[in-house]
C-alpha cells in the first residue's frame, strides 16, 4: 500500500474538484500506510 500510494497522484491529472478529493484520499491513506511501515524494520 505504501509503495503504491507514496507515488502520489499523477502530475498530469487535471485541476478539478474530483482530483482534489482523490488527492486528499491519497494523502490520508499514505500516512496510514506510512505509520505501519515506519513501525517495522523493512526496506521502506
ModelCIF file with pLDDT and N, C-alpha, C, O atoms, coordinates in Angstrom:
data_MODEL
#
_entry.id   MODEL 
#
_entity.id                         1 
_entity.type                       polymer 
_entity.pdbx_number_of_molecules   1 
#
_entity_poly.entity_id                      1 
_entity_poly.type                           'polypeptide(L)' 
_entity_poly.nstd_linkage                   no 
_entity_poly.nstd_monomer                   no 
_entity_poly.pdbx_seq_one_letter_code       
;(UNK)(UNK)(UNK)(UNK)(UNK)(UNK)(UNK)(UNK)(UNK)(UNK)(UNK)(UNK)(UNK)(UNK)(UNK)(UNK)
(UNK)(UNK)(UNK)(UNK)(UNK)(UNK)(UNK)(UNK)(UNK)(UNK)(UNK)(UNK)(UNK)(UNK)(UNK)(UNK)
(UNK)(UNK)(UNK)(UNK)(UNK)(UNK)(UNK)(UNK)(UNK)(UNK)(UNK)(UNK)
;
_entity_poly.pdbx_seq_one_letter_code_can   XXXXXXXXXXXXXXXXXXXXXXXXXXXXXXXXXXXXXXXXXXXX 
_entity_poly.pdbx_strand_id                 A 
#
loop_
_entity_poly_seq.entity_id 
_entity_poly_seq.num 
_entity_poly_seq.mon_id 
_entity_poly_seq.hetero 
1 1  UNK n 
1 2  UNK n 
1 3  UNK n 
1 4  UNK n 
1 5  UNK n 
1 6  UNK n 
1 7  UNK n 
1 8  UNK n 
1 9  UNK n 
1 10 UNK n 
1 11 UNK n 
1 12 UNK n 
1 13 UNK n 
1 14 UNK n 
1 15 UNK n 
1 16 UNK n 
1 17 UNK n 
1 18 UNK n 
1 19 UNK n 
1 20 UNK n 
1 21 UNK n 
1 22 UNK n 
1 23 UNK n 
1 24 UNK n 
1 25 UNK n 
1 26 UNK n 
1 27 UNK n 
1 28 UNK n 
1 29 UNK n 
1 30 UNK n 
1 31 UNK n 
1 32 UNK n 
1 33 UNK n 
1 34 UNK n 
1 35 UNK n 
1 36 UNK n 
1 37 UNK n 
1 38 UNK n 
1 39 UNK n 
1 40 UNK n 
1 41 UNK n 
1 42 UNK n 
1 43 UNK n 
1 44 UNK n 
#
_struct_asym.id          A 
_struct_asym.entity_id   1 
#
loop_
_ma_qa_metric.id 
_ma_qa_metric.mode 
_ma_qa_metric.name 
_ma_qa_metric.software_group_id 
_ma_qa_metric.type 
1 global pLDDT . pLDDT 
2 local  pLDDT . pLDDT 
#
_ma_qa_metric_global.metric_id      1 
_ma_qa_metric_global.metric_value   92.89 
_ma_qa_metric_global.model_id       1 
_ma_qa_metric_global.ordinal_id     1 
#
loop_
_ma_qa_metric_local.label_asym_id 
_ma_qa_metric_local.label_comp_id 
_ma_qa_metric_local.label_seq_id 
_ma_qa_metric_local.metric_id 
_ma_qa_metric_local.metric_value 
_ma_qa_metric_local.model_id 
_ma_qa_metric_local.ordinal_id 
A UNK 1  2 97.00 1 1  
A UNK 2  2 97.00 1 2  
A UNK 3  2 96.00 1 3  
A UNK 4  2 97.00 1 4  
A UNK 5  2 97.00 1 5  
A UNK 6  2 95.00 1 6  
A UNK 7  2 95.00 1 7  
A UNK 8  2 95.00 1 8  
A UNK 9  2 94.00 1 9  
A UNK 10 2 92.00 1 10 
A UNK 11 2 90.00 1 11 
A UNK 12 2 82.00 1 12 
A UNK 13 2 86.00 1 13 
A UNK 14 2 86.00 1 14 
A UNK 15 2 86.00 1 15 
A UNK 16 2 90.00 1 16 
A UNK 17 2 91.00 1 17 
A UNK 18 2 93.00 1 18 
A UNK 19 2 94.00 1 19 
A UNK 20 2 94.00 1 20 
A UNK 21 2 94.00 1 21 
A UNK 22 2 94.00 1 22 
A UNK 23 2 94.00 1 23 
A UNK 24 2 95.00 1 24 
A UNK 25 2 95.00 1 25 
A UNK 26 2 96.00 1 26 
A UNK 27 2 95.00 1 27 
A UNK 28 2 96.00 1 28 
A UNK 29 2 97.00 1 29 
A UNK 30 2 97.00 1 30 
A UNK 31 2 96.00 1 31 
A UNK 32 2 96.00 1 32 
A UNK 33 2 97.00 1 33 
A UNK 34 2 96.00 1 34 
A UNK 35 2 95.00 1 35 
A UNK 36 2 95.00 1 36 
A UNK 37 2 96.00 1 37 
A UNK 38 2 95.00 1 38 
A UNK 39 2 92.00 1 39 
A UNK 40 2 87.00 1 40 
A UNK 41 2 81.00 1 41 
A UNK 42 2 83.00 1 42 
A UNK 43 2 86.00 1 43 
A UNK 44 2 92.00 1 44 
#
loop_
_atom_site.group_PDB 
_atom_site.id 
_atom_site.type_symbol 
_atom_site.label_atom_id 
_atom_site.label_alt_id 
_atom_site.label_comp_id 
_atom_site.label_asym_id 
_atom_site.label_entity_id 
_atom_site.label_seq_id 
_atom_site.pdbx_PDB_ins_code 
_atom_site.Cartn_x 
_atom_site.Cartn_y 
_atom_site.Cartn_z 
_atom_site.occupancy 
_atom_site.B_iso_or_equiv 
_atom_site.pdbx_formal_charge 
_atom_site.auth_seq_id 
_atom_site.auth_comp_id 
_atom_site.auth_asym_id 
_atom_site.auth_atom_id 
_atom_site.pdbx_PDB_model_num 
ATOM 1   N N  . UNK A 1 1  ? 0.835   -1.206 0.000   1.00 97.00 ? 1  UNK A N  1 
ATOM 2   C CA . UNK A 1 1  ? 0.000   0.000  0.000   1.00 97.00 ? 1  UNK A CA 1 
ATOM 3   C C  . UNK A 1 1  ? 0.868   1.254  0.000   1.00 97.00 ? 1  UNK A C  1 
ATOM 4   O O  . UNK A 1 1  ? 0.622   2.181  -0.771  1.00 97.00 ? 1  UNK A O  1 
ATOM 5   N N  . UNK A 1 2  ? 1.882   1.284  0.862   1.00 97.00 ? 2  UNK A N  1 
ATOM 6   C CA . UNK A 1 2  ? 2.734   2.471  0.941   1.00 97.00 ? 2  UNK A CA 1 
ATOM 7   C C  . UNK A 1 2  ? 3.501   2.683  -0.358  1.00 97.00 ? 2  UNK A C  1 
ATOM 8   O O  . UNK A 1 2  ? 3.601   3.809  -0.845  1.00 97.00 ? 2  UNK A O  1 
ATOM 9   N N  . UNK A 1 3  ? 4.041   1.608  -0.918  1.00 96.00 ? 3  UNK A N  1 
ATOM 10  C CA . UNK A 1 3  ? 4.807   1.718  -2.169  1.00 96.00 ? 3  UNK A CA 1 
ATOM 11  C C  . UNK A 1 3  ? 3.967   2.339  -3.270  1.00 96.00 ? 3  UNK A C  1 
ATOM 12  O O  . UNK A 1 3  ? 4.450   3.179  -4.029  1.00 96.00 ? 3  UNK A O  1 
ATOM 13  N N  . UNK A 1 4  ? 2.709   1.926  -3.358  1.00 97.00 ? 4  UNK A N  1 
ATOM 14  C CA . UNK A 1 4  ? 1.820   2.470  -4.394  1.00 97.00 ? 4  UNK A CA 1 
ATOM 15  C C  . UNK A 1 4  ? 1.427   3.915  -4.085  1.00 97.00 ? 4  UNK A C  1 
ATOM 16  O O  . UNK A 1 4  ? 1.530   4.791  -4.944  1.00 97.00 ? 4  UNK A O  1 
ATOM 17  N N  . UNK A 1 5  ? 0.985   4.148  -2.873  1.00 97.00 ? 5  UNK A N  1 
ATOM 18  C CA . UNK A 1 5  ? 0.443   5.457  -2.511  1.00 97.00 ? 5  UNK A CA 1 
ATOM 19  C C  . UNK A 1 5  ? 1.502   6.551  -2.472  1.00 97.00 ? 5  UNK A C  1 
ATOM 20  O O  . UNK A 1 5  ? 1.210   7.711  -2.764  1.00 97.00 ? 5  UNK A O  1 
ATOM 21  N N  . UNK A 1 6  ? 2.738   6.185  -2.109  1.00 95.00 ? 6  UNK A N  1 
ATOM 22  C CA . UNK A 1 6  ? 3.808   7.179  -1.998  1.00 95.00 ? 6  UNK A CA 1 
ATOM 23  C C  . UNK A 1 6  ? 4.147   7.819  -3.344  1.00 95.00 ? 6  UNK A C  1 
ATOM 24  O O  . UNK A 1 6  ? 4.811   8.854  -3.386  1.00 95.00 ? 6  UNK A O  1 
ATOM 25  N N  . UNK A 1 7  ? 3.701   7.218  -4.429  1.00 95.00 ? 7  UNK A N  1 
ATOM 26  C CA . UNK A 1 7  ? 3.952   7.805  -5.747  1.00 95.00 ? 7  UNK A CA 1 
ATOM 27  C C  . UNK A 1 7  ? 3.122   9.070  -5.961  1.00 95.00 ? 7  UNK A C  1 
ATOM 28  O O  . UNK A 1 7  ? 3.472   9.911  -6.788  1.00 95.00 ? 7  UNK A O  1 
ATOM 29  N N  . UNK A 1 8  ? 2.029   9.203  -5.222  1.00 95.00 ? 8  UNK A N  1 
ATOM 30  C CA . UNK A 1 8  ? 1.171   10.378 -5.352  1.00 95.00 ? 8  UNK A CA 1 
ATOM 31  C C  . UNK A 1 8  ? 0.360   10.357 -6.636  1.00 95.00 ? 8  UNK A C  1 
ATOM 32  O O  . UNK A 1 8  ? 0.587   9.527  -7.517  1.00 95.00 ? 8  UNK A O  1 
ATOM 33  N N  . UNK A 1 9  ? -0.584  11.277 -6.731  1.00 94.00 ? 9  UNK A N  1 
ATOM 34  C CA . UNK A 1 9  ? -1.397  11.361 -7.945  1.00 94.00 ? 9  UNK A CA 1 
ATOM 35  C C  . UNK A 1 9  ? -0.539  11.784 -9.128  1.00 94.00 ? 9  UNK A C  1 
ATOM 36  O O  . UNK A 1 9  ? 0.425   12.536 -8.982  1.00 94.00 ? 9  UNK A O  1 
ATOM 37  N N  . UNK A 1 10 ? -0.903  11.295 -10.279 1.00 92.00 ? 10 UNK A N  1 
ATOM 38  C CA . UNK A 1 10 ? -0.169  11.627 -11.499 1.00 92.00 ? 10 UNK A CA 1 
ATOM 39  C C  . UNK A 1 10 ? -0.102  13.134 -11.688 1.00 92.00 ? 10 UNK A C  1 
ATOM 40  O O  . UNK A 1 10 ? -1.099  13.826 -11.480 1.00 92.00 ? 10 UNK A O  1 
ATOM 41  N N  . UNK A 1 11 ? 1.064   13.656 -12.081 1.00 90.00 ? 11 UNK A N  1 
ATOM 42  C CA . UNK A 1 11 ? 1.197   15.109 -12.248 1.00 90.00 ? 11 UNK A CA 1 
ATOM 43  C C  . UNK A 1 11 ? 0.325   15.665 -13.355 1.00 90.00 ? 11 UNK A C  1 
ATOM 44  O O  . UNK A 1 11 ? 0.041   16.863 -13.371 1.00 90.00 ? 11 UNK A O  1 
ATOM 45  N N  . UNK A 1 12 ? -0.114  14.808 -14.299 1.00 82.00 ? 12 UNK A N  1 
ATOM 46  C CA . UNK A 1 12 ? -0.941  15.324 -15.389 1.00 82.00 ? 12 UNK A CA 1 
ATOM 47  C C  . UNK A 1 12 ? -2.432  15.183 -15.105 1.00 82.00 ? 12 UNK A C  1 
ATOM 48  O O  . UNK A 1 12 ? -3.251  15.376 -16.004 1.00 82.00 ? 12 UNK A O  1 
ATOM 49  N N  . UNK A 1 13 ? -2.797  14.847 -13.864 1.00 86.00 ? 13 UNK A N  1 
ATOM 50  C CA . UNK A 1 13 ? -4.213  14.892 -13.509 1.00 86.00 ? 13 UNK A CA 1 
ATOM 51  C C  . UNK A 1 13 ? -4.693  16.340 -13.630 1.00 86.00 ? 13 UNK A C  1 
ATOM 52  O O  . UNK A 1 13 ? -3.949  17.265 -13.304 1.00 86.00 ? 13 UNK A O  1 
ATOM 53  N N  . UNK A 1 14 ? -5.918  16.542 -14.091 1.00 86.00 ? 14 UNK A N  1 
ATOM 54  C CA . UNK A 1 14 ? -6.396  17.911 -14.317 1.00 86.00 ? 14 UNK A CA 1 
ATOM 55  C C  . UNK A 1 14 ? -6.687  18.652 -13.019 1.00 86.00 ? 14 UNK A C  1 
ATOM 56  O O  . UNK A 1 14 ? -6.770  18.047 -11.950 1.00 86.00 ? 14 UNK A O  1 
ATOM 57  N N  . UNK A 1 15 ? -6.839  19.949 -13.124 1.00 86.00 ? 15 UNK A N  1 
ATOM 58  C CA . UNK A 1 15 ? -7.283  20.754 -11.991 1.00 86.00 ? 15 UNK A CA 1 
ATOM 59  C C  . UNK A 1 15 ? -8.799  20.607 -11.903 1.00 86.00 ? 15 UNK A C  1 
ATOM 60  O O  . UNK A 1 15 ? -9.524  21.135 -12.746 1.00 86.00 ? 15 UNK A O  1 
ATOM 61  N N  . UNK A 1 16 ? -9.275  19.898 -10.893 1.00 90.00 ? 16 UNK A N  1 
ATOM 62  C CA . UNK A 1 16 ? -10.711 19.653 -10.766 1.00 90.00 ? 16 UNK A CA 1 
ATOM 63  C C  . UNK A 1 16 ? -11.035 19.259 -9.332  1.00 90.00 ? 16 UNK A C  1 
ATOM 64  O O  . UNK A 1 16 ? -10.174 18.775 -8.598  1.00 90.00 ? 16 UNK A O  1 
ATOM 65  N N  . UNK A 1 17 ? -12.291 19.472 -8.942  1.00 91.00 ? 17 UNK A N  1 
ATOM 66  C CA . UNK A 1 17 ? -12.695 19.143 -7.579  1.00 91.00 ? 17 UNK A CA 1 
ATOM 67  C C  . UNK A 1 17 ? -12.528 17.656 -7.290  1.00 91.00 ? 17 UNK A C  1 
ATOM 68  O O  . UNK A 1 17 ? -12.113 17.274 -6.196  1.00 91.00 ? 17 UNK A O  1 
ATOM 69  N N  . UNK A 1 18 ? -12.857 16.811 -8.284  1.00 93.00 ? 18 UNK A N  1 
ATOM 70  C CA . UNK A 1 18 ? -12.758 15.378 -8.033  1.00 93.00 ? 18 UNK A CA 1 
ATOM 71  C C  . UNK A 1 18 ? -11.304 14.952 -7.838  1.00 93.00 ? 18 UNK A C  1 
ATOM 72  O O  . UNK A 1 18 ? -11.028 14.004 -7.104  1.00 93.00 ? 18 UNK A O  1 
ATOM 73  N N  . UNK A 1 19 ? -10.382 15.645 -8.490  1.00 94.00 ? 19 UNK A N  1 
ATOM 74  C CA . UNK A 1 19 ? -8.956  15.354 -8.303  1.00 94.00 ? 19 UNK A CA 1 
ATOM 75  C C  . UNK A 1 19 ? -8.521  15.785 -6.906  1.00 94.00 ? 19 UNK A C  1 
ATOM 76  O O  . UNK A 1 19 ? -7.760  15.080 -6.243  1.00 94.00 ? 19 UNK A O  1 
ATOM 77  N N  . UNK A 1 20 ? -9.004  16.937 -6.463  1.00 94.00 ? 20 UNK A N  1 
ATOM 78  C CA . UNK A 1 20 ? -8.674  17.396 -5.104  1.00 94.00 ? 20 UNK A CA 1 
ATOM 79  C C  . UNK A 1 20 ? -9.156  16.384 -4.062  1.00 94.00 ? 20 UNK A C  1 
ATOM 80  O O  . UNK A 1 20 ? -8.462  16.124 -3.079  1.00 94.00 ? 20 UNK A O  1 
ATOM 81  N N  . UNK A 1 21 ? -10.337 15.817 -4.277  1.00 94.00 ? 21 UNK A N  1 
ATOM 82  C CA . UNK A 1 21 ? -10.859 14.810 -3.353  1.00 94.00 ? 21 UNK A CA 1 
ATOM 83  C C  . UNK A 1 21 ? -9.964  13.573 -3.342  1.00 94.00 ? 21 UNK A C  1 
ATOM 84  O O  . UNK A 1 21 ? -9.670  13.016 -2.284  1.00 94.00 ? 21 UNK A O  1 
ATOM 85  N N  . UNK A 1 22 ? -9.534  13.150 -4.535  1.00 94.00 ? 22 UNK A N  1 
ATOM 86  C CA . UNK A 1 22 ? -8.645  11.995 -4.613  1.00 94.00 ? 22 UNK A CA 1 
ATOM 87  C C  . UNK A 1 22 ? -7.294  12.289 -3.973  1.00 94.00 ? 22 UNK A C  1 
ATOM 88  O O  . UNK A 1 22 ? -6.706  11.425 -3.322  1.00 94.00 ? 22 UNK A O  1 
ATOM 89  N N  . UNK A 1 23 ? -6.803  13.521 -4.164  1.00 94.00 ? 23 UNK A N  1 
ATOM 90  C CA . UNK A 1 23 ? -5.520  13.894 -3.569  1.00 94.00 ? 23 UNK A CA 1 
ATOM 91  C C  . UNK A 1 23 ? -5.599  13.820 -2.038  1.00 94.00 ? 23 UNK A C  1 
ATOM 92  O O  . UNK A 1 23 ? -4.662  13.359 -1.387  1.00 94.00 ? 23 UNK A O  1 
ATOM 93  N N  . UNK A 1 24 ? -6.701  14.268 -1.479  1.00 95.00 ? 24 UNK A N  1 
ATOM 94  C CA . UNK A 1 24 ? -6.893  14.187 -0.027  1.00 95.00 ? 24 UNK A CA 1 
ATOM 95  C C  . UNK A 1 24 ? -6.972  12.735 0.435   1.00 95.00 ? 24 UNK A C  1 
ATOM 96  O O  . UNK A 1 24 ? -6.417  12.370 1.471   1.00 95.00 ? 24 UNK A O  1 
ATOM 97  N N  . UNK A 1 25 ? -7.665  11.919 -0.344  1.00 95.00 ? 25 UNK A N  1 
ATOM 98  C CA . UNK A 1 25 ? -7.775  10.491 -0.013  1.00 95.00 ? 25 UNK A CA 1 
ATOM 99  C C  . UNK A 1 25 ? -6.412  9.823  -0.045  1.00 95.00 ? 25 UNK A C  1 
ATOM 100 O O  . UNK A 1 25 ? -6.059  9.070  0.863   1.00 95.00 ? 25 UNK A O  1 
ATOM 101 N N  . UNK A 1 26 ? -5.650  10.099 -1.092  1.00 96.00 ? 26 UNK A N  1 
ATOM 102 C CA . UNK A 1 26 ? -4.317  9.501  -1.228  1.00 96.00 ? 26 UNK A CA 1 
ATOM 103 C C  . UNK A 1 26 ? -3.412  9.946  -0.088  1.00 96.00 ? 26 UNK A C  1 
ATOM 104 O O  . UNK A 1 26 ? -2.672  9.130  0.461   1.00 96.00 ? 26 UNK A O  1 
ATOM 105 N N  . UNK A 1 27 ? -3.456  11.221 0.278   1.00 95.00 ? 27 UNK A N  1 
ATOM 106 C CA . UNK A 1 27 ? -2.617  11.724 1.366   1.00 95.00 ? 27 UNK A CA 1 
ATOM 107 C C  . UNK A 1 27 ? -2.961  11.029 2.680   1.00 95.00 ? 27 UNK A C  1 
ATOM 108 O O  . UNK A 1 27 ? -2.070  10.650 3.440   1.00 95.00 ? 27 UNK A O  1 
ATOM 109 N N  . UNK A 1 28 ? -4.257  10.863 2.944   1.00 96.00 ? 28 UNK A N  1 
ATOM 110 C CA . UNK A 1 28 ? -4.665  10.207 4.187   1.00 96.00 ? 28 UNK A CA 1 
ATOM 111 C C  . UNK A 1 28 ? -4.244  8.748  4.211   1.00 96.00 ? 28 UNK A C  1 
ATOM 112 O O  . UNK A 1 28 ? -3.712  8.270  5.213   1.00 96.00 ? 28 UNK A O  1 
ATOM 113 N N  . UNK A 1 29 ? -4.479  8.033  3.110   1.00 97.00 ? 29 UNK A N  1 
ATOM 114 C CA . UNK A 1 29 ? -4.109  6.618  3.054   1.00 97.00 ? 29 UNK A CA 1 
ATOM 115 C C  . UNK A 1 29 ? -2.594  6.432  3.116   1.00 97.00 ? 29 UNK A C  1 
ATOM 116 O O  . UNK A 1 29 ? -2.105  5.468  3.704   1.00 97.00 ? 29 UNK A O  1 
ATOM 117 N N  . UNK A 1 30 ? -1.850  7.365  2.502   1.00 97.00 ? 30 UNK A N  1 
ATOM 118 C CA . UNK A 1 30 ? -0.388  7.274  2.527   1.00 97.00 ? 30 UNK A CA 1 
ATOM 119 C C  . UNK A 1 30 ? 0.124   7.353  3.959   1.00 97.00 ? 30 UNK A C  1 
ATOM 120 O O  . UNK A 1 30 ? 1.003   6.586  4.351   1.00 97.00 ? 30 UNK A O  1 
ATOM 121 N N  . UNK A 1 31 ? -0.427  8.280  4.739   1.00 96.00 ? 31 UNK A N  1 
ATOM 122 C CA . UNK A 1 31 ? 0.013   8.416  6.129   1.00 96.00 ? 31 UNK A CA 1 
ATOM 123 C C  . UNK A 1 31 ? -0.383  7.200  6.965   1.00 96.00 ? 31 UNK A C  1 
ATOM 124 O O  . UNK A 1 31 ? 0.363   6.782  7.851   1.00 96.00 ? 31 UNK A O  1 
ATOM 125 N N  . UNK A 1 32 ? -1.563  6.631  6.682   1.00 96.00 ? 32 UNK A N  1 
ATOM 126 C CA . UNK A 1 32 ? -1.968  5.415  7.396   1.00 96.00 ? 32 UNK A CA 1 
ATOM 127 C C  . UNK A 1 32 ? -0.981  4.286  7.110   1.00 96.00 ? 32 UNK A C  1 
ATOM 128 O O  . UNK A 1 32 ? -0.551  3.582  8.024   1.00 96.00 ? 32 UNK A O  1 
ATOM 129 N N  . UNK A 1 33 ? -0.626  4.120  5.839   1.00 97.00 ? 33 UNK A N  1 
ATOM 130 C CA . UNK A 1 33 ? 0.326   3.076  5.474   1.00 97.00 ? 33 UNK A CA 1 
ATOM 131 C C  . UNK A 1 33 ? 1.708   3.379  6.036   1.00 97.00 ? 33 UNK A C  1 
ATOM 132 O O  . UNK A 1 33 ? 2.401   2.478  6.508   1.00 97.00 ? 33 UNK A O  1 
ATOM 133 N N  . UNK A 1 34 ? 2.112   4.654  5.984   1.00 96.00 ? 34 UNK A N  1 
ATOM 134 C CA . UNK A 1 34 ? 3.436   5.040  6.468   1.00 96.00 ? 34 UNK A CA 1 
ATOM 135 C C  . UNK A 1 34 ? 3.581   4.762  7.955   1.00 96.00 ? 34 UNK A C  1 
ATOM 136 O O  . UNK A 1 34 ? 4.646   4.332  8.398   1.00 96.00 ? 34 UNK A O  1 
ATOM 137 N N  . UNK A 1 35 ? 2.549   4.996  8.720   1.00 95.00 ? 35 UNK A N  1 
ATOM 138 C CA . UNK A 1 35 ? 2.597   4.723  10.163  1.00 95.00 ? 35 UNK A CA 1 
ATOM 139 C C  . UNK A 1 35 ? 2.917   3.258  10.416  1.00 95.00 ? 35 UNK A C  1 
ATOM 140 O O  . UNK A 1 35 ? 3.709   2.933  11.300  1.00 95.00 ? 35 UNK A O  1 
ATOM 141 N N  . UNK A 1 36 ? 2.304   2.382  9.643   1.00 95.00 ? 36 UNK A N  1 
ATOM 142 C CA . UNK A 1 36 ? 2.525   0.944  9.826   1.00 95.00 ? 36 UNK A CA 1 
ATOM 143 C C  . UNK A 1 36 ? 3.917   0.526  9.354   1.00 95.00 ? 36 UNK A C  1 
ATOM 144 O O  . UNK A 1 36 ? 4.599   -0.248 10.026  1.00 95.00 ? 36 UNK A O  1 
ATOM 145 N N  . UNK A 1 37 ? 4.332   1.041  8.196   1.00 96.00 ? 37 UNK A N  1 
ATOM 146 C CA . UNK A 1 37 ? 5.644   0.677  7.651   1.00 96.00 ? 37 UNK A CA 1 
ATOM 147 C C  . UNK A 1 37 ? 6.758   1.238  8.532   1.00 96.00 ? 37 UNK A C  1 
ATOM 148 O O  . UNK A 1 37 ? 7.781   0.585  8.736   1.00 96.00 ? 37 UNK A O  1 
ATOM 149 N N  . UNK A 1 38 ? 6.556   2.445  9.052   1.00 95.00 ? 38 UNK A N  1 
ATOM 150 C CA . UNK A 1 38 ? 7.574   3.070  9.904   1.00 95.00 ? 38 UNK A CA 1 
ATOM 151 C C  . UNK A 1 38 ? 7.808   2.279  11.183  1.00 95.00 ? 38 UNK A C  1 
ATOM 152 O O  . UNK A 1 38 ? 8.898   2.321  11.753  1.00 95.00 ? 38 UNK A O  1 
ATOM 153 N N  . UNK A 1 39 ? 6.788   1.560  11.630  1.00 92.00 ? 39 UNK A N  1 
ATOM 154 C CA . UNK A 1 39 ? 6.911   0.775  12.862  1.00 92.00 ? 39 UNK A CA 1 
ATOM 155 C C  . UNK A 1 39 ? 7.653   -0.534 12.637  1.00 92.00 ? 39 UNK A C  1 
ATOM 156 O O  . UNK A 1 39 ? 7.962   -1.246 13.593  1.00 92.00 ? 39 UNK A O  1 
ATOM 157 N N  . UNK A 1 40 ? 7.937   -0.853 11.392  1.00 87.00 ? 40 UNK A N  1 
ATOM 158 C CA . UNK A 1 40 ? 8.655   -2.082 11.057  1.00 87.00 ? 40 UNK A CA 1 
ATOM 159 C C  . UNK A 1 40 ? 10.121  -1.758 10.803  1.00 87.00 ? 40 UNK A C  1 
ATOM 160 O O  . UNK A 1 40 ? 10.542  -0.605 10.903  1.00 87.00 ? 40 UNK A O  1 
ATOM 161 N N  . UNK A 1 41 ? 10.882  -2.776 10.476  1.00 81.00 ? 41 UNK A N  1 
ATOM 162 C CA . UNK A 1 41 ? 12.292  -2.550 10.122  1.00 81.00 ? 41 UNK A CA 1 
ATOM 163 C C  . UNK A 1 41 ? 12.525  -2.949 8.669   1.00 81.00 ? 41 UNK A C  1 
ATOM 164 O O  . UNK A 1 41 ? 13.619  -3.365 8.287   1.00 81.00 ? 41 UNK A O  1 
ATOM 165 N N  . UNK A 1 42 ? 11.465  -2.810 7.867   1.00 83.00 ? 42 UNK A N  1 
ATOM 166 C CA . UNK A 1 42 ? 11.540  -3.217 6.467   1.00 83.00 ? 42 UNK A CA 1 
ATOM 167 C C  . UNK A 1 42 ? 12.304  -2.237 5.603   1.00 83.00 ? 42 UNK A C  1 
ATOM 168 O O  . UNK A 1 42 ? 12.783  -1.214 6.093   1.00 83.00 ? 42 UNK A O  1 
ATOM 169 N N  . UNK A 1 43 ? 12.421  -2.544 4.318   1.00 86.00 ? 43 UNK A N  1 
ATOM 170 C CA . UNK A 1 43 ? 13.227  -1.730 3.406   1.00 86.00 ? 43 UNK A CA 1 
ATOM 171 C C  . UNK A 1 43 ? 12.680  -0.320 3.173   1.00 86.00 ? 43 UNK A C  1 
ATOM 172 O O  . UNK A 1 43 ? 13.420  0.569  2.752   1.00 86.00 ? 43 UNK A O  1 
ATOM 173 N N  . UNK A 1 44 ? 11.395  -0.114 3.446   1.00 92.00 ? 44 UNK A N  1 
ATOM 174 C CA . UNK A 1 44 ? 10.802  1.210  3.208   1.00 92.00 ? 44 UNK A CA 1 
ATOM 175 C C  . UNK A 1 44 ? 10.606  2.000  4.489   1.00 92.00 ? 44 UNK A C  1 
ATOM 176 O O  . UNK A 1 44 ? 10.118  3.129  4.449   1.00 92.00 ? 44 UNK A O  1 
#
